[in-house]
Amino acid sequence: MSAPTATIPATCCGRSGEGCACAKEATCTCGKQPAMHCTCEKASTENAMTGARCSCNLRAQGSCTCGRADQENTVKGATCVCGKRPSGKL
C-alpha cells in the first residue's frame, strides 16, 4: 500500500506512535487498493473527499475498512449535527 497523508488527522485514534495506523490500513471498498487510490469502476466516488469521514479521514463515515471498522462504523451515544460522528469529533 502507498503511504497515507503526511499529516496525522486531528481525529486520529492514536493507537500507534508512528503516524495514523488506521490510514495505513484503510483500503478502497474492494480492498485491492489503499483508500483514496481506488482504480476500479467506483474510483470517482471512492476517491472523493466529501461529507463526514472516519477517524483517519480517508473513508466515508460508516464505511471504514481499517482494524477499527467495528467501532468506526457504529455510532453510539451523542452524535454530531449530521448524526454520523460521535459528538466532540471533527
Protein backbone atom coordinates (compact mmCIF):
# COMPACT_ATOMS: atom_id res chain seq x y z
CA MET A 1 0.00 0.00 0.00
CA SER A 2 1.14 3.53 -0.60
CA ALA A 3 1.75 5.88 2.29
CA PRO A 4 -1.19 7.79 3.76
CA THR A 5 -1.30 11.55 4.01
CA ALA A 6 1.76 13.17 5.59
CA THR A 7 -0.21 14.81 8.39
CA ILE A 8 -1.97 12.96 11.17
CA PRO A 9 -5.68 13.86 11.25
CA ALA A 10 -6.96 15.60 14.38
CA THR A 11 -9.45 12.73 14.78
CA CYS A 12 -6.73 10.04 14.78
CA CYS A 13 -7.30 7.38 17.47
CA GLY A 14 -3.62 7.50 18.41
CA ARG A 15 -3.16 3.73 18.65
CA SER A 16 0.28 4.00 17.04
CA GLY A 17 3.18 6.25 17.89
CA GLU A 18 4.26 6.22 14.24
CA GLY A 19 1.60 8.11 12.31
CA CYS A 20 -2.01 7.16 11.77
CA ALA A 21 -2.26 3.34 11.88
CA CYS A 22 -5.82 3.44 10.55
CA ALA A 23 -4.80 5.46 7.50
CA LYS A 24 -2.11 2.88 6.73
CA GLU A 25 -4.67 0.04 6.93
CA ALA A 26 -7.58 1.72 5.12
CA THR A 27 -8.41 0.37 1.67
CA CYS A 28 -10.96 1.10 -1.01
CA THR A 29 -14.21 -0.89 -0.85
CA CYS A 30 -12.87 -3.84 -2.85
CA GLY A 31 -9.74 -3.98 -0.67
CA LYS A 32 -7.34 -4.09 -3.60
CA GLN A 33 -6.00 -0.52 -3.31
CA PRO A 34 -5.20 1.89 -0.46
CA ALA A 35 -8.01 4.28 0.47
CA MET A 36 -8.17 7.30 -1.86
CA HIS A 37 -6.21 5.35 -4.52
CA CYS A 38 -9.06 3.30 -5.99
CA THR A 39 -8.69 2.32 -9.65
CA CYS A 40 -11.87 0.31 -10.26
CA GLU A 41 -15.24 1.50 -11.60
CA LYS A 42 -16.01 3.04 -8.19
CA ALA A 43 -12.95 5.34 -8.30
CA SER A 44 -14.96 8.54 -8.83
CA THR A 45 -16.81 8.03 -5.54
CA GLU A 46 -14.13 6.11 -3.62
CA ASN A 47 -11.52 8.83 -4.15
CA ALA A 48 -13.83 11.76 -3.31
CA MET A 49 -13.43 13.63 -0.03
CA THR A 50 -16.93 14.84 0.83
CA GLY A 51 -19.15 14.60 3.90
CA ALA A 52 -18.43 13.03 7.27
CA ARG A 53 -15.27 10.94 7.38
CA CYS A 54 -13.97 8.12 9.59
CA SER A 55 -11.21 8.95 12.12
CA CYS A 56 -8.32 8.54 9.67
CA ASN A 57 -10.13 10.88 7.26
CA LEU A 58 -9.62 8.55 4.28
CA ARG A 59 -13.01 6.80 4.18
CA ALA A 60 -16.60 7.98 4.44
CA GLN A 61 -18.07 7.69 7.93
CA GLY A 62 -19.77 4.31 8.20
CA SER A 63 -17.52 2.80 5.50
CA CYS A 64 -14.31 2.29 7.48
CA THR A 65 -12.10 -0.60 6.35
CA CYS A 66 -9.28 -0.50 8.92
CA GLY A 67 -8.84 -2.57 12.07
CA ARG A 68 -11.22 -0.21 13.93
CA ALA A 69 -14.10 -0.70 11.49
CA ASP A 70 -16.31 -2.31 14.14
CA GLN A 71 -16.04 0.86 16.24
CA GLU A 72 -15.89 3.39 13.40
CA ASN A 73 -18.94 2.08 11.56
CA THR A 74 -21.19 2.10 14.62
CA VAL A 75 -22.00 5.45 16.19
CA LYS A 76 -23.28 5.17 19.75
CA GLY A 77 -24.42 7.83 22.19
CA ALA A 78 -24.34 11.56 21.48
CA THR A 79 -23.63 12.45 17.87
CA CYS A 80 -22.61 15.50 15.86
CA VAL A 81 -25.18 17.58 13.98
CA CYS A 82 -25.28 15.22 10.97
CA GLY A 83 -25.51 12.18 13.26
CA LYS A 84 -22.63 10.31 11.63
CA ARG A 85 -19.85 11.09 14.14
CA PRO A 86 -19.67 10.92 17.93
CA SER A 87 -20.10 14.40 19.44
CA GLY A 88 -16.83 16.20 20.05
CA LYS A 89 -15.17 14.65 16.97
CA LEU A 90 -14.42 16.70 13.89
